[in-house]
Amino acid sequence: MSENATVNPSKLLVVVTSLPSLEAAKGLARALVEQNLTACVQLTEGIQSIYRWEGKICEEQEVLLAAKTTEPKWLEILAFIKNAHPYDLPEILAFAPEQYESQYGKWVESEVNSKS
């Protein structure tokens, strides 16, 4: 997001990254929820990733992490994941759903703005 973009405080984001193990993914997920950066994190095991890294083809089993948050948390969650992630160059993507159930959206917003 550029610095002069307008931030919508109630716009939901789904932030996605992949990790090398369930333990690493659970640790990051718990920290994201504990720090009120996200309301909910879902983990999907058994992701098969094939990619090129430093000139060679790699194939790894990974765990996909999908965190539900709001747009104002983007820079904070990005920095947190980069700092806590075990990879040198982690995949960190954010998607904004066009539509979502309004009570769910209000719950996500209240959780990430909570001080608990």
PDB file of N, CA and C in Angstrom:
ATOM      1  N   MET A   1       0.848  -1.167   0.000  1.00  0.00           N
ATOM      2  CA  MET A   1       0.000   0.000   0.000  1.00  0.00           C
ATOM      3  C   MET A   1       0.893   1.230   0.000  1.00  0.00           C
ATOM      4  N   SER A   2       0.610   2.173  -0.877  1.00  0.00           N
ATOM      5  CA  SER A   2       1.431   3.373  -0.927  1.00  0.00           C
ATOM      6  C   SER A   2       1.111   4.271   0.263  1.00  0.00           C
ATOM      7  N   GLU A   3       2.034   5.169   0.567  1.00  0.00           N
ATOM      8  CA  GLU A   3       1.880   6.022   1.747  1.00  0.00           C
ATOM      9  C   GLU A   3       0.685   6.953   1.642  1.00  0.00           C
ATOM     10  N   ASN A   4       0.325   7.376   0.423  1.00  0.00           N
ATOM     11  CA  ASN A   4      -0.781   8.318   0.288  1.00  0.00           C
ATOM     12  C   ASN A   4      -2.095   7.632  -0.070  1.00  0.00           C
ATOM     13  N   ALA A   5      -2.167   6.338   0.085  1.00  0.00           N
ATOM     14  CA  ALA A   5      -3.423   5.622  -0.131  1.00  0.00           C
ATOM     15  C   ALA A   5      -4.335   5.826   1.076  1.00  0.00           C
ATOM     16  N   THR A   6      -5.627   5.875   0.804  1.00  0.00           N
ATOM     17  CA  THR A   6      -6.587   6.015   1.888  1.00  0.00           C
ATOM     18  C   THR A   6      -6.782   4.669   2.559  1.00  0.00           C
ATOM     19  N   VAL A   7      -6.743   4.648   3.878  1.00  0.00           N
ATOM     20  CA  VAL A   7      -6.919   3.412   4.638  1.00  0.00           C
ATOM     21  C   VAL A   7      -8.364   3.336   5.100  1.00  0.00           C
ATOM     22  N   ASN A   8      -8.997   2.218   4.829  1.00  0.00           N
ATOM     23  CA  ASN A   8     -10.364   1.975   5.265  1.00  0.00           C
ATOM     24  C   ASN A   8     -10.290   1.129   6.533  1.00  0.00           C
ATOM     25  N   PRO A   9     -10.664   1.683   7.699  1.00  0.00           N
ATOM     26  CA  PRO A   9     -10.490   0.951   8.957  1.00  0.00           C
ATOM     27  C   PRO A   9     -11.322  -0.316   9.077  1.00  0.00           C
ATOM     28  N   SER A  10     -12.372  -0.435   8.269  1.00  0.00           N
ATOM     29  CA  SER A  10     -13.206  -1.631   8.373  1.00  0.00           C
ATOM     30  C   SER A  10     -13.008  -2.593   7.204  1.00  0.00           C
ATOM     31  N   LYS A  11     -12.071  -2.299   6.312  1.00  0.00           N
ATOM     32  CA  LYS A  11     -11.825  -3.182   5.173  1.00  0.00           C
ATOM     33  C   LYS A  11     -11.046  -4.411   5.637  1.00  0.00           C
ATOM     34  N   LEU A  12     -11.593  -5.582   5.360  1.00  0.00           N
ATOM     35  CA  LEU A  12     -10.928  -6.821   5.771  1.00  0.00           C
ATOM     36  C   LEU A  12      -9.790  -7.162   4.828  1.00  0.00           C
ATOM     37  N   LEU A  13      -8.756  -7.778   5.390  1.00  0.00           N
ATOM     38  CA  LEU A  13      -7.655  -8.343   4.624  1.00  0.00           C
ATOM     39  C   LEU A  13      -7.457  -9.783   5.072  1.00  0.00           C
ATOM     40  N   VAL A  14      -7.078 -10.620   4.131  1.00  0.00           N
ATOM     41  CA  VAL A  14      -6.630 -11.971   4.434  1.00  0.00           C
ATOM     42  C   VAL A  14      -5.149 -11.987   4.068  1.00  0.00           C
ATOM     43  N   VAL A  15      -4.300 -12.155   5.076  1.00  0.00           N
ATOM     44  CA  VAL A  15      -2.849 -12.146   4.881  1.00  0.00           C
ATOM     45  C   VAL A  15      -2.375 -13.597   4.857  1.00  0.00           C
ATOM     46  N   VAL A  16      -1.634 -13.935   3.809  1.00  0.00           N
ATOM     47  CA  VAL A  16      -1.220 -15.319   3.567  1.00  0.00           C
ATOM     48  C   VAL A  16       0.299 -15.417   3.577  1.00  0.00           C
ATOM     49  N   THR A  17       0.794 -16.472   4.223  1.00  0.00           N
ATOM     50  CA  THR A  17       2.213 -16.814   4.167  1.00  0.00           C
ATOM     51  C   THR A  17       2.323 -18.329   4.293  1.00  0.00           C
ATOM     52  N   SER A  18       3.476 -18.866   3.987  1.00  0.00           N
ATOM     53  CA  SER A  18       3.692 -20.306   4.134  1.00  0.00           C
ATOM     54  C   SER A  18       4.905 -20.533   5.023  1.00  0.00           C
ATOM     55  N   LEU A  19       4.835 -21.623   5.786  1.00  0.00           N
ATOM     56  CA  LEU A  19       5.891 -21.947   6.743  1.00  0.00           C
ATOM     57  C   LEU A  19       6.343 -23.387   6.576  1.00  0.00           C
ATOM     58  N   PRO A  20       7.539 -23.717   7.086  1.00  0.00           N
ATOM     59  CA  PRO A  20       8.112 -25.035   6.841  1.00  0.00           C
ATOM     60  C   PRO A  20       7.513 -26.164   7.679  1.00  0.00           C
ATOM     61  N   SER A  21       6.791 -25.828   8.761  1.00  0.00           N
ATOM     62  CA  SER A  21       6.269 -26.888   9.624  1.00  0.00           C
ATOM     63  C   SER A  21       5.016 -26.410  10.346  1.00  0.00           C
ATOM     64  N   LEU A  22       4.242 -27.372  10.845  1.00  0.00           N
ATOM     65  CA  LEU A  22       3.049 -27.043  11.616  1.00  0.00           C
ATOM     66  C   LEU A  22       3.428 -26.305  12.896  1.00  0.00           C
ATOM     67  N   GLU A  23       4.511 -26.711  13.530  1.00  0.00           N
ATOM     68  CA  GLU A  23       4.945 -26.060  14.764  1.00  0.00           C
ATOM     69  C   GLU A  23       5.268 -24.579  14.522  1.00  0.00           C
ATOM     70  N   ALA A  24       5.998 -24.294  13.447  1.00  0.00           N
ATOM     71  CA  ALA A  24       6.340 -22.903  13.117  1.00  0.00           C
ATOM     72  C   ALA A  24       5.083 -22.108  12.795  1.00  0.00           C
ATOM     73  N   ALA A  25       4.162 -22.716  12.062  1.00  0.00           N
ATOM     74  CA  ALA A  25       2.924 -22.036  11.692  1.00  0.00           C
ATOM     75  C   ALA A  25       2.059 -21.754  12.919  1.00  0.00           C
ATOM     76  N   LYS A  26       1.953 -22.740  13.825  1.00  0.00           N
ATOM     77  CA  LYS A  26       1.164 -22.542  15.048  1.00  0.00           C
ATOM     78  C   LYS A  26       1.772 -21.437  15.907  1.00  0.00           C
ATOM     79  N   GLY A  27       3.080 -21.413  16.013  1.00  0.00           N
ATOM     80  CA  GLY A  27       3.744 -20.383  16.812  1.00  0.00           C
ATOM     81  C   GLY A  27       3.476 -18.995  16.260  1.00  0.00           C
ATOM     82  N   LEU A  28       3.587 -18.831  14.958  1.00  0.00           N
ATOM     83  CA  LEU A  28       3.336 -17.534  14.339  1.00  0.00           C
ATOM     84  C   LEU A  28       1.855 -17.171  14.464  1.00  0.00           C
ATOM     85  N   ALA A  29       0.972 -18.145  14.247  1.00  0.00           N
ATOM     86  CA  ALA A  29      -0.471 -17.893  14.345  1.00  0.00           C
ATOM     87  C   ALA A  29      -0.852 -17.418  15.745  1.00  0.00           C
ATOM     88  N   ARG A  30      -0.362 -18.114  16.755  1.00  0.00           N
ATOM     89  CA  ARG A  30      -0.666 -17.717  18.143  1.00  0.00           C
ATOM     90  C   ARG A  30      -0.166 -16.303  18.434  1.00  0.00           C
ATOM     91  N   ALA A  31       1.048 -16.002  17.996  1.00  0.00           N
ATOM     92  CA  ALA A  31       1.618 -14.674  18.239  1.00  0.00           C
ATOM     93  C   ALA A  31       0.794 -13.589  17.544  1.00  0.00           C
ATOM     94  N   LEU A  32       0.343 -13.848  16.331  1.00  0.00           N
ATOM     95  CA  LEU A  32      -0.465 -12.862  15.602  1.00  0.00           C
ATOM     96  C   LEU A  32      -1.780 -12.575  16.319  1.00  0.00           C
ATOM     97  N   VAL A  33      -2.404 -13.621  16.869  1.00  0.00           N
ATOM     98  CA  VAL A  33      -3.657 -13.442  17.607  1.00  0.00           C
ATOM     99  C   VAL A  33      -3.387 -12.770  18.951  1.00  0.00           C
ATOM    100  N   GLU A  34      -2.348 -13.212  19.655  1.00  0.00           N
ATOM    101  CA  GLU A  34      -2.018 -12.629  20.962  1.00  0.00           C
ATOM    102  C   GLU A  34      -1.677 -11.144  20.859  1.00  0.00           C
ATOM    103  N   GLN A  35      -1.048 -10.745  19.766  1.00  0.00           N
ATOM    104  CA  GLN A  35      -0.652  -9.344  19.568  1.00  0.00           C
ATOM    105  C   GLN A  35      -1.789  -8.495  18.981  1.00  0.00           C
ATOM    106  N   ASN A  36      -2.972  -9.076  18.830  1.00  0.00           N
ATOM    107  CA  ASN A  36      -4.139  -8.397  18.253  1.00  0.00           C
ATOM    108  C   ASN A  36      -3.879  -7.889  16.838  1.00  0.00           C
ATOM    109  N   LEU A  37      -3.009  -8.574  16.118  1.00  0.00           N
ATOM    110  CA  LEU A  37      -2.770  -8.217  14.721  1.00  0.00           C
ATOM    111  C   LEU A  37      -3.780  -8.890  13.799  1.00  0.00           C
ATOM    112  N   THR A  38      -4.382  -9.947  14.300  1.00  0.00           N
ATOM    113  CA  THR A  38      -5.355 -10.704  13.521  1.00  0.00           C
ATOM    114  C   THR A  38      -6.404 -11.276  14.460  1.00  0.00           C
ATOM    115  N   ALA A  39      -7.611 -11.469  13.938  1.00  0.00           N
ATOM    116  CA  ALA A  39      -8.694 -12.026  14.747  1.00  0.00           C
ATOM    117  C   ALA A  39      -8.687 -13.547  14.703  1.00  0.00           C
ATOM    118  N   CYS A  40      -8.235 -14.093  13.599  1.00  0.00           N
ATOM    119  CA  CYS A  40      -8.325 -15.531  13.360  1.00  0.00           C
ATOM    120  C   CYS A  40      -7.236 -15.926  12.379  1.00  0.00           C
ATOM    121  N   VAL A  41      -6.660 -17.096  12.597  1.00  0.00           N
ATOM    122  CA  VAL A  41      -5.668 -17.627  11.659  1.00  0.00           C
ATOM    123  C   VAL A  41      -6.035 -19.068  11.348  1.00  0.00           C
ATOM    124  N   GLN A  42      -6.065 -19.399  10.088  1.00  0.00           N
ATOM    125  CA  GLN A  42      -6.317 -20.773   9.677  1.00  0.00           C
ATOM    126  C   GLN A  42      -5.030 -21.348   9.094  1.00  0.00           C
ATOM    127  N   LEU A  43      -4.775 -22.614   9.430  1.00  0.00           N
ATOM    128  CA  LEU A  43      -3.583 -23.308   8.954  1.00  0.00           C
ATOM    129  C   LEU A  43      -4.005 -24.478   8.087  1.00  0.00           C
ATOM    130  N   THR A  44      -3.336 -24.629   6.968  1.00  0.00           N
ATOM    131  CA  THR A  44      -3.608 -25.739   6.056  1.00  0.00           C
ATOM    132  C   THR A  44      -2.316 -26.506   5.845  1.00  0.00           C
ATOM    133  N   GLU A  45      -2.294 -27.746   6.322  1.00  0.00           N
ATOM    134  CA  GLU A  45      -1.104 -28.592   6.141  1.00  0.00           C
ATOM    135  C   GLU A  45      -1.109 -29.233   4.766  1.00  0.00           C
ATOM    136  N   GLY A  46       0.055 -29.755   4.380  1.00  0.00           N
ATOM    137  CA  GLY A  46       0.157 -30.563   3.172  1.00  0.00           C
ATOM    138  C   GLY A  46       0.281 -29.778   1.883  1.00  0.00           C
ATOM    139  N   ILE A  47       0.639 -28.515   1.975  1.00  0.00           N
ATOM    140  CA  ILE A  47       0.839 -27.721   0.770  1.00  0.00           C
ATOM    141  C   ILE A  47       2.170 -28.148   0.141  1.00  0.00           C
ATOM    142  N   GLN A  48       2.143 -28.421  -1.130  1.00  0.00           N
ATOM    143  CA  GLN A  48       3.352 -28.793  -1.858  1.00  0.00           C
ATOM    144  C   GLN A  48       3.795 -27.580  -2.664  1.00  0.00           C
ATOM    145  N   SER A  49       4.977 -27.058  -2.389  1.00  0.00           N
ATOM    146  CA  SER A  49       5.491 -25.891  -3.094  1.00  0.00           C
ATOM    147  C   SER A  49       6.677 -26.287  -3.971  1.00  0.00           C
ATOM    148  N   ILE A  50       6.647 -25.832  -5.204  1.00  0.00           N
ATOM    149  CA  ILE A  50       7.750 -26.026  -6.144  1.00  0.00           C
ATOM    150  C   ILE A  50       8.141 -24.634  -6.626  1.00  0.00           C
ATOM    151  N   TYR A  51       9.416 -24.291  -6.468  1.00  0.00           N
ATOM    152  CA  TYR A  51       9.852 -22.939  -6.778  1.00  0.00           C
ATOM    153  C   TYR A  51      11.333 -22.938  -7.144  1.00  0.00           C
ATOM    154  N   ARG A  52      11.775 -21.840  -7.730  1.00  0.00           N
ATOM    155  CA  ARG A  52      13.192 -21.669  -8.042  1.00  0.00           C
ATOM    156  C   ARG A  52      13.792 -20.755  -6.981  1.00  0.00           C
ATOM    157  N   TRP A  53      14.894 -21.194  -6.377  1.00  0.00           N
ATOM    158  CA  TRP A  53      15.580 -20.383  -5.366  1.00  0.00           C
ATOM    159  C   TRP A  53      17.069 -20.475  -5.610  1.00  0.00           C
ATOM    160  N   GLU A  54      17.686 -19.332  -5.803  1.00  0.00           N
ATOM    161  CA  GLU A  54      19.124 -19.236  -6.054  1.00  0.00           C
ATOM    162  C   GLU A  54      19.552 -20.169  -7.187  1.00  0.00           C
ATOM    163  N   GLY A  55      18.750 -20.170  -8.254  1.00  0.00           N
ATOM    164  CA  GLY A  55      19.102 -20.887  -9.478  1.00  0.00           C
ATOM    165  C   GLY A  55      18.747 -22.357  -9.523  1.00  0.00           C
ATOM    166  N   LYS A  56      18.168 -22.912  -8.471  1.00  0.00           N
ATOM    167  CA  LYS A  56      17.806 -24.324  -8.537  1.00  0.00           C
ATOM    168  C   LYS A  56      16.333 -24.527  -8.178  1.00  0.00           C
ATOM    169  N   ILE A  57      15.777 -25.593  -8.723  1.00  0.00           N
ATOM    170  CA  ILE A  57      14.386 -25.928  -8.474  1.00  0.00           C
ATOM    171  C   ILE A  57      14.280 -26.643  -7.128  1.00  0.00           C
ATOM    172  N   CYS A  58      13.395 -26.152  -6.281  1.00  0.00           N
ATOM    173  CA  CYS A  58      13.188 -26.722  -4.950  1.00  0.00           C
ATOM    174  C   CYS A  58      11.762 -27.241  -4.846  1.00  0.00           C
ATOM    175  N   GLU A  59      11.587 -28.254  -4.013  1.00  0.00           N
ATOM    176  CA  GLU A  59      10.266 -28.816  -3.762  1.00  0.00           C
ATOM    177  C   GLU A  59      10.155 -29.072  -2.266  1.00  0.00           C
ATOM    178  N   GLU A  60       9.153 -28.467  -1.642  1.00  0.00           N
ATOM    179  CA  GLU A  60       9.014 -28.536  -0.186  1.00  0.00           C
ATOM    180  C   GLU A  60       7.567 -28.770   0.216  1.00  0.00           C
ATOM    181  N   GLN A  61       7.385 -29.437   1.354  1.00  0.00           N
ATOM    182  CA  GLN A  61       6.089 -29.503   2.015  1.00  0.00           C
ATOM    183  C   GLN A  61       6.000 -28.276   2.907  1.00  0.00           C
ATOM    184  N   GLU A  62       4.871 -27.579   2.874  1.00  0.00           N
ATOM    185  CA  GLU A  62       4.719 -26.389   3.702  1.00  0.00           C
ATOM    186  C   GLU A  62       3.335 -26.363   4.346  1.00  0.00           C
ATOM    187  N   VAL A  63       3.166 -25.426   5.261  1.00  0.00           N
ATOM    188  CA  VAL A  63       1.876 -25.170   5.904  1.00  0.00           C
ATOM    189  C   VAL A  63       1.471 -23.758   5.508  1.00  0.00           C
ATOM    190  N   LEU A  64       0.263 -23.622   4.990  1.00  0.00           N
ATOM    191  CA  LEU A  64      -0.244 -22.323   4.570  1.00  0.00           C
ATOM    192  C   LEU A  64      -0.970 -21.663   5.736  1.00  0.00           C
ATOM    193  N   LEU A  65      -0.648 -20.410   5.999  1.00  0.00           N
ATOM    194  CA  LEU A  65      -1.252 -19.640   7.076  1.00  0.00           C
ATOM    195  C   LEU A  65      -2.079 -18.531   6.443  1.00  0.00           C
ATOM    196  N   ALA A  66      -3.348 -18.413   6.842  1.00  0.00           N
ATOM    197  CA  ALA A  66      -4.235 -17.349   6.355  1.00  0.00           C
ATOM    198  C   ALA A  66      -4.783 -16.597   7.564  1.00  0.00           C
ATOM    199  N   ALA A  67      -4.385 -15.337   7.713  1.00  0.00           N
ATOM    200  CA  ALA A  67      -4.758 -14.522   8.866  1.00  0.00           C
ATOM    201  C   ALA A  67      -5.797 -13.480   8.458  1.00  0.00           C
ATOM    202  N   LYS A  68      -6.866 -13.363   9.263  1.00  0.00           N
ATOM    203  CA  LYS A  68      -7.918 -12.390   8.994  1.00  0.00           C
ATOM    204  C   LYS A  68      -7.650 -11.144   9.834  1.00  0.00           C
ATOM    205  N   THR A  69      -7.567  -9.989   9.157  1.00  0.00           N
ATOM    206  CA  THR A  69      -7.256  -8.738   9.823  1.00  0.00           C
ATOM    207  C   THR A  69      -7.952  -7.602   9.091  1.00  0.00           C
ATOM    208  N   THR A  70      -7.578  -6.354   9.422  1.00  0.00           N
ATOM    209  CA  THR A  70      -8.131  -5.187   8.739  1.00  0.00           C
ATOM    210  C   THR A  70      -7.004  -4.386   8.100  1.00  0.00           C
ATOM    211  N   GLU A  71      -7.372  -3.574   7.138  1.00  0.00           N
ATOM    212  CA  GLU A  71      -6.388  -2.815   6.366  1.00  0.00           C
ATOM    213  C   GLU A  71      -5.430  -1.968   7.213  1.00  0.00           C
ATOM    214  N   PRO A  72      -5.899  -1.290   8.272  1.00  0.00           N
ATOM    215  CA  PRO A  72      -4.950  -0.489   9.061  1.00  0.00           C
ATOM    216  C   PRO A  72      -3.843  -1.309   9.730  1.00  0.00           C
ATOM    217  N   LYS A  73      -4.028  -2.611   9.860  1.00  0.00           N
ATOM    218  CA  LYS A  73      -3.019  -3.468  10.496  1.00  0.00           C
ATOM    219  C   LYS A  73      -1.957  -3.969   9.505  1.00  0.00           C
ATOM    220  N   TRP A  74      -2.122  -3.672   8.215  1.00  0.00           N
ATOM    221  CA  TRP A  74      -1.252  -4.250   7.188  1.00  0.00           C
ATOM    222  C   TRP A  74       0.238  -4.021   7.454  1.00  0.00           C
ATOM    223  N   LEU A  75       0.658  -2.795   7.641  1.00  0.00           N
ATOM    224  CA  LEU A  75       2.091  -2.539   7.810  1.00  0.00           C
ATOM    225  C   LEU A  75       2.638  -3.194   9.068  1.00  0.00           C
ATOM    226  N   GLU A  76       1.845  -3.210  10.128  1.00  0.00           N
ATOM    227  CA  GLU A  76       2.268  -3.822  11.386  1.00  0.00           C
ATOM    228  C   GLU A  76       2.374  -5.345  11.256  1.00  0.00           C
ATOM    229  N   ILE A  77       1.384  -5.965  10.616  1.00  0.00           N
ATOM    230  CA  ILE A  77       1.412  -7.426  10.455  1.00  0.00           C
ATOM    231  C   ILE A  77       2.519  -7.829   9.485  1.00  0.00           C
ATOM    232  N   LEU A  78       2.741  -7.023   8.456  1.00  0.00           N
ATOM    233  CA  LEU A  78       3.824  -7.285   7.506  1.00  0.00           C
ATOM    234  C   LEU A  78       5.173  -7.289   8.222  1.00  0.00           C
ATOM    235  N   ALA A  79       5.423  -6.264   9.018  1.00  0.00           N
ATOM    236  CA  ALA A  79       6.692  -6.174   9.753  1.00  0.00           C
ATOM    237  C   ALA A  79       6.833  -7.317  10.753  1.00  0.00           C
ATOM    238  N   PHE A  80       5.744  -7.657  11.431  1.00  0.00           N
ATOM    239  CA  PHE A  80       5.780  -8.725  12.428  1.00  0.00           C
ATOM    240  C   PHE A  80       6.122 -10.066  11.776  1.00  0.00           C
ATOM    241  N   ILE A  81       5.456 -10.379  10.656  1.00  0.00           N
ATOM    242  CA  ILE A  81       5.710 -11.659   9.972  1.00  0.00           C
ATOM    243  C   ILE A  81       7.142 -11.696   9.447  1.00  0.00           C
ATOM    244  N   LYS A  82       7.599 -10.614   8.822  1.00  0.00           N
ATOM    245  CA  LYS A  82       8.972 -10.588   8.304  1.00  0.00           C
ATOM    246  C   LYS A  82       9.990 -10.839   9.411  1.00  0.00           C
ATOM    247  N   ASN A  83       9.765 -10.255  10.566  1.00  0.00           N
ATOM    248  CA  ASN A  83      10.679 -10.394  11.697  1.00  0.00           C
ATOM    249  C   ASN A  83      10.637 -11.797  12.300  1.00  0.00           C
ATOM    250  N   ALA A  84       9.456 -12.397  12.369  1.00  0.00           N
ATOM    251  CA  ALA A  84       9.289 -13.690  13.044  1.00  0.00           C
ATOM    252  C   ALA A  84       9.449 -14.890  12.115  1.00  0.00           C
ATOM    253  N   HIS A  85       9.455 -14.665  10.819  1.00  0.00           N
ATOM    254  CA  HIS A  85       9.439 -15.767   9.848  1.00  0.00           C
ATOM    255  C   HIS A  85      10.804 -16.426   9.716  1.00  0.00           C
ATOM    256  N   PRO A  86      10.841 -17.767   9.615  1.00  0.00           N
ATOM    257  CA  PRO A  86      12.132 -18.456   9.494  1.00  0.00           C
ATOM    258  C   PRO A  86      12.775 -18.358   8.101  1.00  0.00           C
ATOM    259  N   TYR A  87      12.026 -17.978   7.074  1.00  0.00           N
ATOM    260  CA  TYR A  87      12.581 -17.896   5.715  1.00  0.00           C
ATOM    261  C   TYR A  87      13.303 -16.569   5.502  1.00  0.00           C
ATOM    262  N   ASP A  88      14.324 -16.581   4.641  1.00  0.00           N
ATOM    263  CA  ASP A  88      15.025 -15.355   4.262  1.00  0.00           C
ATOM    264  C   ASP A  88      14.102 -14.407   3.509  1.00  0.00           C
ATOM    265  N   LEU A  89      13.273 -14.960   2.631  1.00  0.00           N
ATOM    266  CA  LEU A  89      12.351 -14.167   1.823  1.00  0.00           C
ATOM    267  C   LEU A  89      10.970 -14.816   1.870  1.00  0.00           C
ATOM    268  N   PRO A  90      10.201 -14.526   2.917  1.00  0.00           N
ATOM    269  CA  PRO A  90       8.896 -15.174   3.040  1.00  0.00           C
ATOM    270  C   PRO A  90       7.866 -14.599   2.067  1.00  0.00           C
ATOM    271  N   GLU A  91       6.980 -15.464   1.622  1.00  0.00           N
ATOM    272  CA  GLU A  91       5.806 -15.035   0.875  1.00  0.00           C
ATOM    273  C   GLU A  91       4.877 -14.359   1.879  1.00  0.00           C
ATOM    274  N   ILE A  92       4.526 -13.108   1.623  1.00  0.00           N
ATOM    275  CA  ILE A  92       3.547 -12.413   2.461  1.00  0.00           C
ATOM    276  C   ILE A  92       2.630 -11.656   1.507  1.00  0.00           C
ATOM    277  N   LEU A  93       1.418 -12.156   1.372  1.00  0.00           N
ATOM    278  CA  LEU A  93       0.443 -11.578   0.448  1.00  0.00           C
ATOM    279  C   LEU A  93      -0.792 -11.151   1.230  1.00  0.00           C
ATOM    280  N   ALA A  94      -1.437 -10.080   0.778  1.00  0.00           N
ATOM    281  CA  ALA A  94      -2.696  -9.656   1.392  1.00  0.00           C
ATOM    282  C   ALA A  94      -3.754  -9.550   0.308  1.00  0.00           C
ATOM    283  N   PHE A  95      -4.909 -10.116   0.603  1.00  0.00           N
ATOM    284  CA  PHE A  95      -6.049 -10.071  -0.297  1.00  0.00           C
ATOM    285  C   PHE A  95      -7.205  -9.397   0.432  1.00  0.00           C
ATOM    286  N   ALA A  96      -7.915  -8.533  -0.267  1.00  0.00           N
ATOM    287  CA  ALA A  96      -9.079  -7.867   0.314  1.00  0.00           C
ATOM    288  C   ALA A  96     -10.340  -8.471  -0.308  1.00  0.00           C
ATOM    289  N   PRO A  97     -11.128  -9.201   0.491  1.00  0.00           N
ATOM    290  CA  PRO A  97     -12.353  -9.765  -0.056  1.00  0.00           C
ATOM    291  C   PRO A  97     -13.321  -8.661  -0.467  1.00  0.00           C
ATOM    292  N   GLU A  98     -13.933  -8.821  -1.619  1.00  0.00           N
ATOM    293  CA  GLU A  98     -14.907  -7.850  -2.100  1.00  0.00           C
ATOM    294  C   GLU A  98     -16.151  -7.840  -1.226  1.00  0.00           C
ATOM    295  N   GLN A  99     -16.547  -9.025  -0.777  1.00  0.00           N
ATOM    296  CA  GLN A  99     -17.747  -9.143   0.036  1.00  0.00           C
ATOM    297  C   GLN A  99     -17.489 -10.125   1.172  1.00  0.00           C
ATOM    298  N   TYR A 100     -18.153  -9.895   2.285  1.00  0.00           N
ATOM    299  CA  TYR A 100     -18.079 -10.810   3.423  1.00  0.00           C
ATOM    300  C   TYR A 100     -19.280 -10.533   4.322  1.00  0.00           C
ATOM    301  N   GLU A 101     -19.593 -11.489   5.147  1.00  0.00           N
ATOM    302  CA  GLU A 101     -20.729 -11.371   6.052  1.00  0.00           C
ATOM    303  C   GLU A 101     -20.440 -10.250   7.052  1.00  0.00           C
ATOM    304  N   SER A 102     -21.359  -9.318   7.214  1.00  0.00           N
ATOM    305  CA  SER A 102     -21.091  -8.095   7.979  1.00  0.00           C
ATOM    306  C   SER A 102     -20.782  -8.348   9.456  1.00  0.00           C
ATOM    307  N   GLN A 103     -21.482  -9.284  10.100  1.00  0.00           N
ATOM    308  CA  GLN A 103     -21.184  -9.553  11.515  1.00  0.00           C
ATOM    309  C   GLN A 103     -19.778 -10.130  11.676  1.00  0.00           C
ATOM    310  N   TYR A 104     -19.346 -10.970  10.738  1.00  0.00           N
ATOM    311  CA  TYR A 104     -17.984 -11.507  10.780  1.00  0.00           C
ATOM    312  C   TYR A 104     -16.980 -10.351  10.644  1.00  0.00           C
ATOM    313  N   GLY A 105     -17.232  -9.459   9.704  1.00  0.00           N
ATOM    314  CA  GLY A 105     -16.350  -8.304   9.522  1.00  0.00           C
ATOM    315  C   GLY A 105     -16.254  -7.448  10.769  1.00  0.00           C
ATOM    316  N   LYS A 106     -17.382  -7.234  11.438  1.00  0.00           N
ATOM    317  CA  LYS A 106     -17.383  -6.447  12.681  1.00  0.00           C
ATOM    318  C   LYS A 106     -16.610  -7.170  13.781  1.00  0.00           C
ATOM    319  N   TRP A 107     -16.725  -8.491  13.816  1.00  0.00           N
ATOM    320  CA  TRP A 107     -15.981  -9.274  14.815  1.00  0.00           C
ATOM    321  C   TRP A 107     -14.475  -9.148  14.580  1.00  0.00           C
ATOM    322  N   VAL A 108     -14.032  -9.300  13.329  1.00  0.00           N
ATOM    323  CA  VAL A 108     -12.603  -9.169  13.008  1.00  0.00           C
ATOM    324  C   VAL A 108     -12.115  -7.785  13.433  1.00  0.00           C
ATOM    325  N   GLU A 109     -12.867  -6.756  13.052  1.00  0.00           N
ATOM    326  CA  GLU A 109     -12.482  -5.389  13.394  1.00  0.00           C
ATOM    327  C   GLU A 109     -12.395  -5.187  14.902  1.00  0.00           C
ATOM    328  N   SER A 110     -13.359  -5.719  15.654  1.00  0.00           N
ATOM    329  CA  SER A 110     -13.336  -5.548  17.115  1.00  0.00           C
ATOM    330  C   SER A 110     -12.159  -6.298  17.738  1.00  0.00           C
ATOM    331  N   GLU A 111     -11.830  -7.471  17.218  1.00  0.00           N
ATOM    332  CA  GLU A 111     -10.711  -8.257  17.773  1.00  0.00           C
ATOM    333  C   GLU A 111      -9.369  -7.575  17.535  1.00  0.00           C
ATOM    334  N   VAL A 112      -9.126  -7.072  16.341  1.00  0.00           N
ATOM    335  CA  VAL A 112      -7.817  -6.451  16.070  1.00  0.00           C
ATOM    336  C   VAL A 112      -7.679  -5.087  16.738  1.00  0.00           C
ATOM    337  N   ASN A 113      -8.803  -4.498  17.126  1.00  0.00           N
ATOM    338  CA  ASN A 113      -8.759  -3.223  17.847  1.00  0.00           C
ATOM    339  C   ASN A 113      -8.872  -3.394  19.351  1.00  0.00           C
ATOM    340  N   SER A 114      -8.969  -4.630  19.811  1.00  0.00           N
ATOM    341  CA  SER A 114      -9.080  -4.946  21.242  1.00  0.00           C
ATOM    342  C   SER A 114      -7.740  -4.718  21.925  1.00  0.00           C
ATOM    343  N   LYS A 115      -7.794  -4.363  23.177  1.00  0.00           N
ATOM    344  CA  LYS A 115      -6.560  -4.163  23.950  1.00  0.00           C
ATOM    345  C   LYS A 115      -6.212  -5.360  24.821  1.00  0.00           C
ATOM    346  N   SER A 116      -7.027  -6.440  24.724  1.00  0.00           N
ATOM    347  CA  SER A 116      -6.791  -7.607  25.597  1.00  0.00           C
ATOM    348  C   SER A 116      -5.660  -8.467  25.085  1.00  0.00           C
TER     349      SER A 116
END
